């Protein structure tokens, strides 16, 4: 097994997932079918680079969830897709999952075609990209898939920090084209231009980039609710946000609760990583500093900003 190294913010993210999936299924327990999609499933097992603690990847978490989903679809690039398949078959023989090797923006159509007979079922989609791998068309396709009152829930990693790094790097033009595909337009470039002109701060840039995604989900895809939580590095700077989109009040309530818990966990996890890095005995259980408070904030119309032209 090839475990992959990550930092504490990845553990925190997956703890949110581990908390949400059983709650999702409990809320939908009266429905005969429940679908889990994981477009970029990663490795089955991971480890914390600072503490060396091992933790399960999203595919293992999903298949271990109780109450369970009834259909699973996992996307990943080869050869990692083969490792996921072997691991899950060994741990969960006969489980109702399928693996789709390749670019998820291509394979998502096959995933959904294979699920066409249960388009009415509640669906949770995890889109765990790293920088700008997703296409807007993919997210729109997921939003349009379900029949009935509620759209598929989507939980998406969105990293303005990685976007600005790529768009201003040595291969910036090609990377910026990828970001165009991710947003479905070049409107995000107005935000980058405002940052480069010092019209907004780095923190404002990150907030505006995430807001643009939320605004599009609500106004273009028709989602009733979107919420975000920044996942921060040891410096306190946000590396990425986890953005949740749902039409369901229960989903909003549950994820909001889990976001609050994740925000409270983060300083303890950060301290544990710093202690491990410095060779000190971990103080994870003894952290006594102030706990941050997560609050849901509405998104706004980006075109109302004075620098938006």
C-alpha atoms as a PDB file:
ATOM      1  CA  UNK A   1       0.000   0.000   0.000  1.00  0.00           C
ATOM      2  CA  UNK A   2       1.313   3.458  -0.952  1.00  0.00           C
ATOM      3  CA  UNK A   3       0.297   5.825   1.850  1.00  0.00           C
ATOM      4  CA  UNK A   4       0.411   9.501   0.923  1.00  0.00           C
ATOM      5  CA  UNK A   5       1.735  12.260   3.163  1.00  0.00           C
ATOM      6  CA  UNK A   6      -0.446  15.253   4.038  1.00  0.00           C
ATOM      7  CA  UNK A   7      -0.693  17.855   6.773  1.00  0.00           C
ATOM      8  CA  UNK A   8      -3.154  18.349   9.618  1.00  0.00           C
ATOM      9  CA  UNK A   9      -5.585  20.381   7.509  1.00  0.00           C
ATOM     10  CA  UNK A  10      -6.167  17.309   5.344  1.00  0.00           C
ATOM     11  CA  UNK A  11      -6.941  15.267   8.450  1.00  0.00           C
ATOM     12  CA  UNK A  12      -9.332  17.966   9.599  1.00  0.00           C
ATOM     13  CA  UNK A  13     -11.059  17.977   6.216  1.00  0.00           C
ATOM     14  CA  UNK A  14     -11.528  14.213   6.284  1.00  0.00           C
ATOM     15  CA  UNK A  15     -12.844  14.354   9.838  1.00  0.00           C
ATOM     16  CA  UNK A  16     -15.582  16.639   8.526  1.00  0.00           C
ATOM     17  CA  UNK A  17     -16.341  14.060   5.828  1.00  0.00           C
ATOM     18  CA  UNK A  18     -16.345  11.259   8.392  1.00  0.00           C
ATOM     19  CA  UNK A  19     -18.870  13.195  10.442  1.00  0.00           C
ATOM     20  CA  UNK A  20     -21.126  14.215   7.575  1.00  0.00           C
ATOM     21  CA  UNK A  21     -21.604  10.952   5.669  1.00  0.00           C
ATOM     22  CA  UNK A  22     -23.387   8.981   8.421  1.00  0.00           C
ATOM     23  CA  UNK A  23     -25.550  12.019   9.165  1.00  0.00           C
ATOM     24  CA  UNK A  24     -26.441  12.291   5.458  1.00  0.00           C
ATOM     25  CA  UNK A  25     -27.492   8.645   5.355  1.00  0.00           C
ATOM     26  CA  UNK A  26     -29.382   8.880   8.618  1.00  0.00           C
ATOM     27  CA  UNK A  27     -31.339  11.841   7.264  1.00  0.00           C
ATOM     28  CA  UNK A  28     -32.086   9.866   4.069  1.00  0.00           C
ATOM     29  CA  UNK A  29     -32.679   6.482   5.737  1.00  0.00           C
ATOM     30  CA  UNK A  30     -36.260   6.274   4.478  1.00  0.00           C
ATOM     31  CA  UNK A  31     -35.007   6.344   0.870  1.00  0.00           C
ATOM     32  CA  UNK A  32     -34.165   3.026  -0.762  1.00  0.00           C
ATOM     33  CA  UNK A  33     -31.016   4.214  -2.578  1.00  0.00           C
ATOM     34  CA  UNK A  34     -28.266   6.645  -1.523  1.00  0.00           C
ATOM     35  CA  UNK A  35     -25.336   7.588  -3.766  1.00  0.00           C
ATOM     36  CA  UNK A  36     -21.761   8.606  -2.928  1.00  0.00           C
ATOM     37  CA  UNK A  37     -19.544  10.056  -5.678  1.00  0.00           C
ATOM     38  CA  UNK A  38     -15.853  10.755  -5.116  1.00  0.00           C
ATOM     39  CA  UNK A  39     -14.359  12.271  -8.242  1.00  0.00           C
ATOM     40  CA  UNK A  40     -10.729  12.401  -7.019  1.00  0.00           C
ATOM     41  CA  UNK A  41     -10.541   9.667  -4.405  1.00  0.00           C
ATOM     42  CA  UNK A  42      -6.774   9.775  -3.770  1.00  0.00           C
ATOM     43  CA  UNK A  43      -4.961   7.031  -1.888  1.00  0.00           C
ATOM     44  CA  UNK A  44      -6.851   4.619   0.383  1.00  0.00           C
ATOM     45  CA  UNK A  45      -4.445   5.407   3.235  1.00  0.00           C
ATOM     46  CA  UNK A  46      -2.597   8.596   4.195  1.00  0.00           C
ATOM     47  CA  UNK A  47      -0.204   9.760   6.880  1.00  0.00           C
ATOM     48  CA  UNK A  48       0.397  13.043   8.657  1.00  0.00           C
ATOM     49  CA  UNK A  49       3.785  14.454   7.612  1.00  0.00           C
ATOM     50  CA  UNK A  50       4.353  16.056  11.008  1.00  0.00           C
ATOM     51  CA  UNK A  51       3.083  13.433  13.447  1.00  0.00           C
ATOM     52  CA  UNK A  52       3.399  10.375  11.141  1.00  0.00           C
ATOM     53  CA  UNK A  53      -0.087   9.301  12.213  1.00  0.00           C
ATOM     54  CA  UNK A  54      -1.909   7.238   9.598  1.00  0.00           C
ATOM     55  CA  UNK A  55      -5.464   8.053   8.593  1.00  0.00           C
ATOM     56  CA  UNK A  56      -7.911   6.650   6.067  1.00  0.00           C
ATOM     57  CA  UNK A  57      -8.586   8.283   2.733  1.00  0.00           C
ATOM     58  CA  UNK A  58     -12.054   9.291   1.591  1.00  0.00           C
ATOM     59  CA  UNK A  59     -12.809   6.002  -0.198  1.00  0.00           C
ATOM     60  CA  UNK A  60     -12.236   3.947   2.948  1.00  0.00           C
ATOM     61  CA  UNK A  61     -14.228   6.443   5.004  1.00  0.00           C
ATOM     62  CA  UNK A  62     -17.179   6.302   2.608  1.00  0.00           C
ATOM     63  CA  UNK A  63     -17.358   2.510   2.473  1.00  0.00           C
ATOM     64  CA  UNK A  64     -17.078   2.243   6.262  1.00  0.00           C
ATOM     65  CA  UNK A  65     -19.944   4.672   6.871  1.00  0.00           C
ATOM     66  CA  UNK A  66     -22.908   3.461   8.932  1.00  0.00           C
ATOM     67  CA  UNK A  67     -25.704   3.764   7.870  1.00  0.00           C
ATOM     68  CA  UNK A  68     -24.276   2.929   4.467  1.00  0.00           C
ATOM     69  CA  UNK A  69     -24.668   4.291   0.991  1.00  0.00           C
ATOM     70  CA  UNK A  70     -26.110   1.847  -1.531  1.00  0.00           C
ATOM     71  CA  UNK A  71     -24.058   2.984  -4.550  1.00  0.00           C
ATOM     72  CA  UNK A  72     -20.475   4.225  -4.713  1.00  0.00           C
ATOM     73  CA  UNK A  73     -18.513   5.679  -7.630  1.00  0.00           C
ATOM     74  CA  UNK A  74     -14.821   6.540  -7.280  1.00  0.00           C
ATOM     75  CA  UNK A  75     -12.776   8.432  -9.834  1.00  0.00           C
ATOM     76  CA  UNK A  76      -8.980   8.670  -9.879  1.00  0.00           C
ATOM     77  CA  UNK A  77      -6.082   8.710 -12.307  1.00  0.00           C
ATOM     78  CA  UNK A  78      -4.204   5.473 -13.001  1.00  0.00           C
ATOM     79  CA  UNK A  79      -2.322   3.738 -11.435  1.00  0.00           C
ATOM     80  CA  UNK A  80      -3.836   5.072  -8.200  1.00  0.00           C
ATOM     81  CA  UNK A  81      -7.272   3.925  -9.348  1.00  0.00           C
ATOM     82  CA  UNK A  82      -6.032   0.325  -9.398  1.00  0.00           C
ATOM     83  CA  UNK A  83      -4.709   0.646  -5.837  1.00  0.00           C
ATOM     84  CA  UNK A  84      -8.071   1.953  -4.640  1.00  0.00           C
ATOM     85  CA  UNK A  85      -9.867  -0.935  -6.343  1.00  0.00           C
ATOM     86  CA  UNK A  86      -7.572  -3.562  -4.803  1.00  0.00           C
ATOM     87  CA  UNK A  87      -7.813  -2.029  -1.335  1.00  0.00           C
ATOM     88  CA  UNK A  88     -11.594  -1.693  -1.323  1.00  0.00           C
ATOM     89  CA  UNK A  89     -12.180  -5.162  -2.764  1.00  0.00           C
ATOM     90  CA  UNK A  90     -10.030  -6.648   0.002  1.00  0.00           C
ATOM     91  CA  UNK A  91     -11.726  -4.664   2.767  1.00  0.00           C
ATOM     92  CA  UNK A  92     -15.286  -4.699   1.451  1.00  0.00           C
ATOM     93  CA  UNK A  93     -15.782  -7.744  -0.806  1.00  0.00           C
ATOM     94  CA  UNK A  94     -18.998  -7.509  -2.753  1.00  0.00           C
ATOM     95  CA  UNK A  95     -19.604  -3.852  -1.889  1.00  0.00           C
ATOM     96  CA  UNK A  96     -21.585  -1.907  -4.542  1.00  0.00           C
ATOM     97  CA  UNK A  97     -18.780   0.331  -5.813  1.00  0.00           C
ATOM     98  CA  UNK A  98     -17.229   1.064  -9.184  1.00  0.00           C
ATOM     99  CA  UNK A  99     -13.869   2.611 -10.046  1.00  0.00           C
ATOM    100  CA  UNK A 100     -13.513   5.000 -12.980  1.00  0.00           C
ATOM    101  CA  UNK A 101      -9.859   5.521 -14.007  1.00  0.00           C
ATOM    102  CA  UNK A 102      -9.011   8.733 -15.832  1.00  0.00           C
ATOM    103  CA  UNK A 103      -9.789  12.450 -15.845  1.00  0.00           C
ATOM    104  CA  UNK A 104     -12.929  12.921 -13.747  1.00  0.00           C
ATOM    105  CA  UNK A 105     -14.166  15.663 -16.077  1.00  0.00           C
ATOM    106  CA  UNK A 106     -14.456  12.940 -18.710  1.00  0.00           C
ATOM    107  CA  UNK A 107     -15.413   9.936 -16.579  1.00  0.00           C
ATOM    108  CA  UNK A 108     -18.174  11.782 -14.679  1.00  0.00           C
ATOM    109  CA  UNK A 109     -20.501  11.291 -17.639  1.00  0.00           C
ATOM    110  CA  UNK A 110     -19.982   7.521 -17.489  1.00  0.00           C
ATOM    111  CA  UNK A 111     -20.429   7.542 -13.711  1.00  0.00           C
ATOM    112  CA  UNK A 112     -23.780   9.279 -14.011  1.00  0.00           C
ATOM    113  CA  UNK A 113     -24.883   7.152 -16.963  1.00  0.00           C
ATOM    114  CA  UNK A 114     -24.311   4.060 -14.802  1.00  0.00           C
ATOM    115  CA  UNK A 115     -26.491   5.649 -12.102  1.00  0.00           C
ATOM    116  CA  UNK A 116     -29.259   6.769 -14.424  1.00  0.00           C
ATOM    117  CA  UNK A 117     -31.730   4.234 -13.007  1.00  0.00           C
ATOM    118  CA  UNK A 118     -31.484   5.882  -9.570  1.00  0.00           C
ATOM    119  CA  UNK A 119     -31.470   9.561 -10.544  1.00  0.00           C
ATOM    120  CA  UNK A 120     -34.122  10.130  -7.905  1.00  0.00           C
ATOM    121  CA  UNK A 121     -31.808   9.024  -5.069  1.00  0.00           C
ATOM    122  CA  UNK A 122     -30.072  11.441  -2.653  1.00  0.00           C
ATOM    123  CA  UNK A 123     -26.466  11.971  -3.772  1.00  0.00           C
ATOM    124  CA  UNK A 124     -23.382  13.424  -2.106  1.00  0.00           C
ATOM    125  CA  UNK A 125     -20.433  14.304  -4.361  1.00  0.00           C
ATOM    126  CA  UNK A 126     -16.934  14.945  -2.992  1.00  0.00           C
ATOM    127  CA  UNK A 127     -14.734  16.995  -5.351  1.00  0.00           C
ATOM    128  CA  UNK A 128     -11.322  16.963  -3.696  1.00  0.00           C
ATOM    129  CA  UNK A 129      -9.125  18.735  -6.236  1.00  0.00           C
ATOM    130  CA  UNK A 130      -5.724  20.283  -5.467  1.00  0.00           C
ATOM    131  CA  UNK A 131      -5.535  23.412  -7.617  1.00  0.00           C
ATOM    132  CA  UNK A 132      -7.573  23.776 -10.824  1.00  0.00           C
ATOM    133  CA  UNK A 133      -8.349  20.273 -12.056  1.00  0.00           C
ATOM    134  CA  UNK A 134     -12.147  20.561 -12.123  1.00  0.00           C
ATOM    135  CA  UNK A 135     -14.217  21.980 -14.958  1.00  0.00           C
ATOM    136  CA  UNK A 136     -17.307  24.101 -14.348  1.00  0.00           C
ATOM    137  CA  UNK A 137     -19.160  21.819 -16.748  1.00  0.00           C
ATOM    138  CA  UNK A 138     -18.502  18.910 -14.367  1.00  0.00           C
ATOM    139  CA  UNK A 139     -20.049  20.713 -11.409  1.00  0.00           C
ATOM    140  CA  UNK A 140     -22.996  21.842 -13.538  1.00  0.00           C
ATOM    141  CA  UNK A 141     -23.518  18.261 -14.736  1.00  0.00           C
ATOM    142  CA  UNK A 142     -23.647  17.020 -11.151  1.00  0.00           C
ATOM    143  CA  UNK A 143     -26.114  19.764 -10.239  1.00  0.00           C
ATOM    144  CA  UNK A 144     -28.437  18.812 -13.102  1.00  0.00           C
ATOM    145  CA  UNK A 145     -28.325  15.042 -12.549  1.00  0.00           C
ATOM    146  CA  UNK A 146     -30.954  14.415  -9.887  1.00  0.00           C
ATOM    147  CA  UNK A 147     -34.653  14.345 -10.570  1.00  0.00           C
ATOM    148  CA  UNK A 148     -36.950  15.867  -7.996  1.00  0.00           C
ATOM    149  CA  UNK A 149     -36.896  18.703  -5.502  1.00  0.00           C
ATOM    150  CA  UNK A 150     -33.263  18.567  -4.332  1.00  0.00           C
ATOM    151  CA  UNK A 151     -30.059  18.689  -6.347  1.00  0.00           C
ATOM    152  CA  UNK A 152     -27.039  16.519  -5.561  1.00  0.00           C
ATOM    153  CA  UNK A 153     -25.002  17.914  -2.697  1.00  0.00           C
ATOM    154  CA  UNK A 154     -21.462  18.952  -3.648  1.00  0.00           C
ATOM    155  CA  UNK A 155     -18.468  19.396  -1.346  1.00  0.00           C
ATOM    156  CA  UNK A 156     -15.561  21.040  -3.120  1.00  0.00           C
ATOM    157  CA  UNK A 157     -11.970  21.956  -2.325  1.00  0.00           C
ATOM    158  CA  UNK A 158     -11.255  25.473  -3.660  1.00  0.00           C
ATOM    159  CA  UNK A 159      -7.761  26.918  -3.320  1.00  0.00           C
ATOM    160  CA  UNK A 160      -7.245  30.585  -4.279  1.00  0.00           C
ATOM    161  CA  UNK A 161      -3.703  30.261  -2.897  1.00  0.00           C
ATOM    162  CA  UNK A 162      -2.875  27.562  -5.456  1.00  0.00           C
ATOM    163  CA  UNK A 163      -4.652  29.500  -8.195  1.00  0.00           C
ATOM    164  CA  UNK A 164      -2.604  32.659  -7.710  1.00  0.00           C
ATOM    165  CA  UNK A 165       0.580  30.590  -7.456  1.00  0.00           C
ATOM    166  CA  UNK A 166      -0.154  28.832 -10.740  1.00  0.00           C
ATOM    167  CA  UNK A 167      -1.506  31.849 -12.611  1.00  0.00           C
ATOM    168  CA  UNK A 168       1.525  33.995 -11.767  1.00  0.00           C
ATOM    169  CA  UNK A 169       4.097  31.223 -12.246  1.00  0.00           C
ATOM    170  CA  UNK A 170       6.336  30.347 -15.174  1.00  0.00           C
ATOM    171  CA  UNK A 171       3.499  28.565 -16.997  1.00  0.00           C
ATOM    172  CA  UNK A 172       0.922  31.129 -15.949  1.00  0.00           C
ATOM    173  CA  UNK A 173      -0.982  31.532 -19.222  1.00  0.00           C
ATOM    174  CA  UNK A 174      -1.714  27.818 -19.552  1.00  0.00           C
ATOM    175  CA  UNK A 175      -2.679  27.588 -15.892  1.00  0.00           C
ATOM    176  CA  UNK A 176      -4.988  30.598 -16.199  1.00  0.00           C
ATOM    177  CA  UNK A 177      -6.756  28.827 -19.056  1.00  0.00           C
ATOM    178  CA  UNK A 178      -7.384  25.917 -16.683  1.00  0.00           C
ATOM    179  CA  UNK A 179      -8.885  28.319 -14.156  1.00  0.00           C
ATOM    180  CA  UNK A 180     -11.143  29.716 -16.906  1.00  0.00           C
ATOM    181  CA  UNK A 181     -12.462  26.172 -17.418  1.00  0.00           C
ATOM    182  CA  UNK A 182     -12.876  25.725 -13.668  1.00  0.00           C
ATOM    183  CA  UNK A 183     -15.039  28.845 -13.286  1.00  0.00           C
ATOM    184  CA  UNK A 184     -16.631  28.473 -16.705  1.00  0.00           C
ATOM    185  CA  UNK A 185     -15.517  31.991 -17.681  1.00  0.00           C
ATOM    186  CA  UNK A 186     -12.653  34.458 -17.258  1.00  0.00           C
ATOM    187  CA  UNK A 187     -14.472  36.609 -14.683  1.00  0.00           C
ATOM    188  CA  UNK A 188     -12.104  35.468 -11.948  1.00  0.00           C
ATOM    189  CA  UNK A 189      -9.368  37.413 -13.750  1.00  0.00           C
ATOM    190  CA  UNK A 190     -11.023  40.634 -12.566  1.00  0.00           C
ATOM    191  CA  UNK A 191     -10.271  39.538  -8.999  1.00  0.00           C
ATOM    192  CA  UNK A 192      -6.682  38.663  -9.878  1.00  0.00           C
ATOM    193  CA  UNK A 193      -6.317  42.029 -11.604  1.00  0.00           C
ATOM    194  CA  UNK A 194      -7.609  43.810  -8.505  1.00  0.00           C
ATOM    195  CA  UNK A 195      -5.069  41.981  -6.376  1.00  0.00           C
ATOM    196  CA  UNK A 196      -2.209  42.770  -8.765  1.00  0.00           C
ATOM    197  CA  UNK A 197      -3.255  46.441  -8.720  1.00  0.00           C
ATOM    198  CA  UNK A 198      -3.278  46.384  -4.890  1.00  0.00           C
ATOM    199  CA  UNK A 199      -6.976  47.251  -4.902  1.00  0.00           C
ATOM    200  CA  UNK A 200      -7.590  44.308  -2.563  1.00  0.00           C
ATOM    201  CA  UNK A 201      -5.473  42.461   0.004  1.00  0.00           C
ATOM    202  CA  UNK A 202      -4.331  38.846  -0.230  1.00  0.00           C
ATOM    203  CA  UNK A 203      -7.039  37.910   2.264  1.00  0.00           C
ATOM    204  CA  UNK A 204      -9.635  39.784   0.202  1.00  0.00           C
ATOM    205  CA  UNK A 205      -8.452  37.946  -2.908  1.00  0.00           C
ATOM    206  CA  UNK A 206      -9.018  34.553  -1.291  1.00  0.00           C
ATOM    207  CA  UNK A 207     -12.458  35.578  -0.049  1.00  0.00           C
ATOM    208  CA  UNK A 208     -13.501  37.001  -3.425  1.00  0.00           C
ATOM    209  CA  UNK A 209     -12.350  33.916  -5.338  1.00  0.00           C
ATOM    210  CA  UNK A 210     -14.352  31.599  -3.092  1.00  0.00           C
ATOM    211  CA  UNK A 211     -17.317  33.972  -3.160  1.00  0.00           C
ATOM    212  CA  UNK A 212     -17.380  33.907  -6.964  1.00  0.00           C
ATOM    213  CA  UNK A 213     -17.756  30.128  -6.873  1.00  0.00           C
ATOM    214  CA  UNK A 214     -20.541  30.348  -4.291  1.00  0.00           C
ATOM    215  CA  UNK A 215     -22.303  33.099  -6.238  1.00  0.00           C
ATOM    216  CA  UNK A 216     -22.258  30.973  -9.387  1.00  0.00           C
ATOM    217  CA  UNK A 217     -23.547  27.923  -7.528  1.00  0.00           C
ATOM    218  CA  UNK A 218     -26.459  29.915  -6.150  1.00  0.00           C
ATOM    219  CA  UNK A 219     -27.329  32.113  -9.143  1.00  0.00           C
ATOM    220  CA  UNK A 220     -26.375  29.866 -12.085  1.00  0.00           C
ATOM    221  CA  UNK A 221     -26.866  26.338 -10.738  1.00  0.00           C
ATOM    222  CA  UNK A 222     -29.718  27.278  -8.435  1.00  0.00           C
ATOM    223  CA  UNK A 223     -28.456  25.940  -5.107  1.00  0.00           C
ATOM    224  CA  UNK A 224     -30.310  27.351  -2.114  1.00  0.00           C
ATOM    225  CA  UNK A 225     -27.322  27.299   0.243  1.00  0.00           C
ATOM    226  CA  UNK A 226     -23.534  27.478   0.041  1.00  0.00           C
ATOM    227  CA  UNK A 227     -21.151  27.700   2.991  1.00  0.00           C
ATOM    228  CA  UNK A 228     -17.363  27.773   3.264  1.00  0.00           C
ATOM    229  CA  UNK A 229     -14.686  27.006   5.815  1.00  0.00           C
ATOM    230  CA  UNK A 230     -11.032  28.052   5.322  1.00  0.00           C
ATOM    231  CA  UNK A 231      -8.415  25.415   6.138  1.00  0.00           C
ATOM    232  CA  UNK A 232      -5.292  27.181   7.364  1.00  0.00           C
ATOM    233  CA  UNK A 233      -1.592  26.378   7.412  1.00  0.00           C
ATOM    234  CA  UNK A 234       0.779  26.659  10.390  1.00  0.00           C
ATOM    235  CA  UNK A 235       1.243  30.355   9.554  1.00  0.00           C
ATOM    236  CA  UNK A 236      -2.483  30.953   9.937  1.00  0.00           C
ATOM    237  CA  UNK A 237      -2.898  31.679   6.214  1.00  0.00           C
ATOM    238  CA  UNK A 238      -5.745  29.871   4.448  1.00  0.00           C
ATOM    239  CA  UNK A 239      -4.468  27.259   1.989  1.00  0.00           C
ATOM    240  CA  UNK A 240      -7.888  26.348   0.669  1.00  0.00           C
ATOM    241  CA  UNK A 241     -11.596  26.432   1.466  1.00  0.00           C
ATOM    242  CA  UNK A 242     -14.098  23.611   1.621  1.00  0.00           C
ATOM    243  CA  UNK A 243     -17.279  24.818  -0.060  1.00  0.00           C
ATOM    244  CA  UNK A 244     -20.547  22.983   0.525  1.00  0.00           C
ATOM    245  CA  UNK A 245     -23.574  23.372  -1.754  1.00  0.00           C
ATOM    246  CA  UNK A 246     -27.000  21.998  -0.851  1.00  0.00           C
ATOM    247  CA  UNK A 247     -30.705  22.614  -1.303  1.00  0.00           C
ATOM    248  CA  UNK A 248     -31.612  20.857   1.927  1.00  0.00           C
ATOM    249  CA  UNK A 249     -32.037  22.586   5.286  1.00  0.00           C
ATOM    250  CA  UNK A 250     -30.930  19.434   7.126  1.00  0.00           C
ATOM    251  CA  UNK A 251     -27.701  19.267   5.116  1.00  0.00           C
ATOM    252  CA  UNK A 252     -26.993  22.928   5.834  1.00  0.00           C
ATOM    253  CA  UNK A 253     -27.598  22.455   9.558  1.00  0.00           C
ATOM    254  CA  UNK A 254     -25.424  19.342   9.845  1.00  0.00           C
ATOM    255  CA  UNK A 255     -22.505  20.712   7.825  1.00  0.00           C
ATOM    256  CA  UNK A 256     -22.626  24.037   9.684  1.00  0.00           C
ATOM    257  CA  UNK A 257     -22.295  22.131  12.964  1.00  0.00           C
ATOM    258  CA  UNK A 258     -19.344  20.145  11.602  1.00  0.00           C
ATOM    259  CA  UNK A 259     -17.667  23.310  10.306  1.00  0.00           C
ATOM    260  CA  UNK A 260     -17.900  24.799  13.794  1.00  0.00           C
ATOM    261  CA  UNK A 261     -16.284  21.685  15.268  1.00  0.00           C
ATOM    262  CA  UNK A 262     -13.540  21.717  12.617  1.00  0.00           C
ATOM    263  CA  UNK A 263     -12.739  25.369  13.339  1.00  0.00           C
ATOM    264  CA  UNK A 264     -12.418  24.514  17.031  1.00  0.00           C
ATOM    265  CA  UNK A 265     -10.165  21.506  16.276  1.00  0.00           C
ATOM    266  CA  UNK A 266      -7.808  23.385  14.001  1.00  0.00           C
ATOM    267  CA  UNK A 267      -5.678  25.306  16.558  1.00  0.00           C
ATOM    268  CA  UNK A 268      -5.142  22.103  18.533  1.00  0.00           C
ATOM    269  CA  UNK A 269      -4.113  20.223  15.403  1.00  0.00           C
ATOM    270  CA  UNK A 270      -1.825  23.090  14.383  1.00  0.00           C
ATOM    271  CA  UNK A 271      -0.161  23.063  17.797  1.00  0.00           C
ATOM    272  CA  UNK A 272       0.314  19.304  17.609  1.00  0.00           C
ATOM    273  CA  UNK A 273       2.027  19.723  14.219  1.00  0.00           C
ATOM    274  CA  UNK A 274       4.279  22.508  15.508  1.00  0.00           C
ATOM    275  CA  UNK A 275       5.218  20.436  18.560  1.00  0.00           C
ATOM    276  CA  UNK A 276       6.048  17.440  16.379  1.00  0.00           C
ATOM    277  CA  UNK A 277       8.074  19.637  14.037  1.00  0.00           C
ATOM    278  CA  UNK A 278      10.140  21.017  16.914  1.00  0.00           C
ATOM    279  CA  UNK A 279      10.587  17.629  18.567  1.00  0.00           C
ATOM    280  CA  UNK A 280       8.593  18.555  21.666  1.00  0.00           C
ATOM    281  CA  UNK A 281       6.094  16.301  23.349  1.00  0.00           C
ATOM    282  CA  UNK A 282       2.701  16.784  21.720  1.00  0.00           C
ATOM    283  CA  UNK A 283       0.394  19.172  23.551  1.00  0.00           C
ATOM    284  CA  UNK A 284      -2.685  18.313  21.480  1.00  0.00           C
ATOM    285  CA  UNK A 285      -4.842  17.411  24.445  1.00  0.00           C
ATOM    286  CA  UNK A 286      -3.613  20.328  26.581  1.00  0.00           C
ATOM    287  CA  UNK A 287      -4.215  23.271  24.221  1.00  0.00           C
ATOM    288  CA  UNK A 288      -5.811  26.038  26.281  1.00  0.00           C
ATOM    289  CA  UNK A 289      -5.821  28.969  23.865  1.00  0.00           C
ATOM    290  CA  UNK A 290      -8.886  30.693  22.435  1.00  0.00           C
ATOM    291  CA  UNK A 291     -10.990  28.654  20.024  1.00  0.00           C
ATOM    292  CA  UNK A 292     -12.006  30.322  16.758  1.00  0.00           C
ATOM    293  CA  UNK A 293     -15.703  30.699  16.065  1.00  0.00           C
ATOM    294  CA  UNK A 294     -16.975  29.669  12.655  1.00  0.00           C
ATOM    295  CA  UNK A 295     -19.918  31.667  11.318  1.00  0.00           C
ATOM    296  CA  UNK A 296     -21.883  31.238   8.136  1.00  0.00           C
ATOM    297  CA  UNK A 297     -21.844  34.334   5.935  1.00  0.00           C
ATOM    298  CA  UNK A 298     -23.917  34.937   2.794  1.00  0.00           C
ATOM    299  CA  UNK A 299     -22.224  35.347  -0.554  1.00  0.00           C
ATOM    300  CA  UNK A 300     -22.478  38.617  -2.471  1.00  0.00           C
ATOM    301  CA  UNK A 301     -22.726  39.856  -6.027  1.00  0.00           C
ATOM    302  CA  UNK A 302     -19.074  40.275  -7.098  1.00  0.00           C
ATOM    303  CA  UNK A 303     -20.006  42.765  -9.812  1.00  0.00           C
ATOM    304  CA  UNK A 304     -20.924  45.294  -7.124  1.00  0.00           C
ATOM    305  CA  UNK A 305     -17.288  45.670  -6.090  1.00  0.00           C
ATOM    306  CA  UNK A 306     -15.827  49.034  -7.179  1.00  0.00           C
ATOM    307  CA  UNK A 307     -12.863  47.360  -8.917  1.00  0.00           C
ATOM    308  CA  UNK A 308     -15.093  45.000 -10.938  1.00  0.00           C
ATOM    309  CA  UNK A 309     -15.176  46.279 -14.517  1.00  0.00           C
END
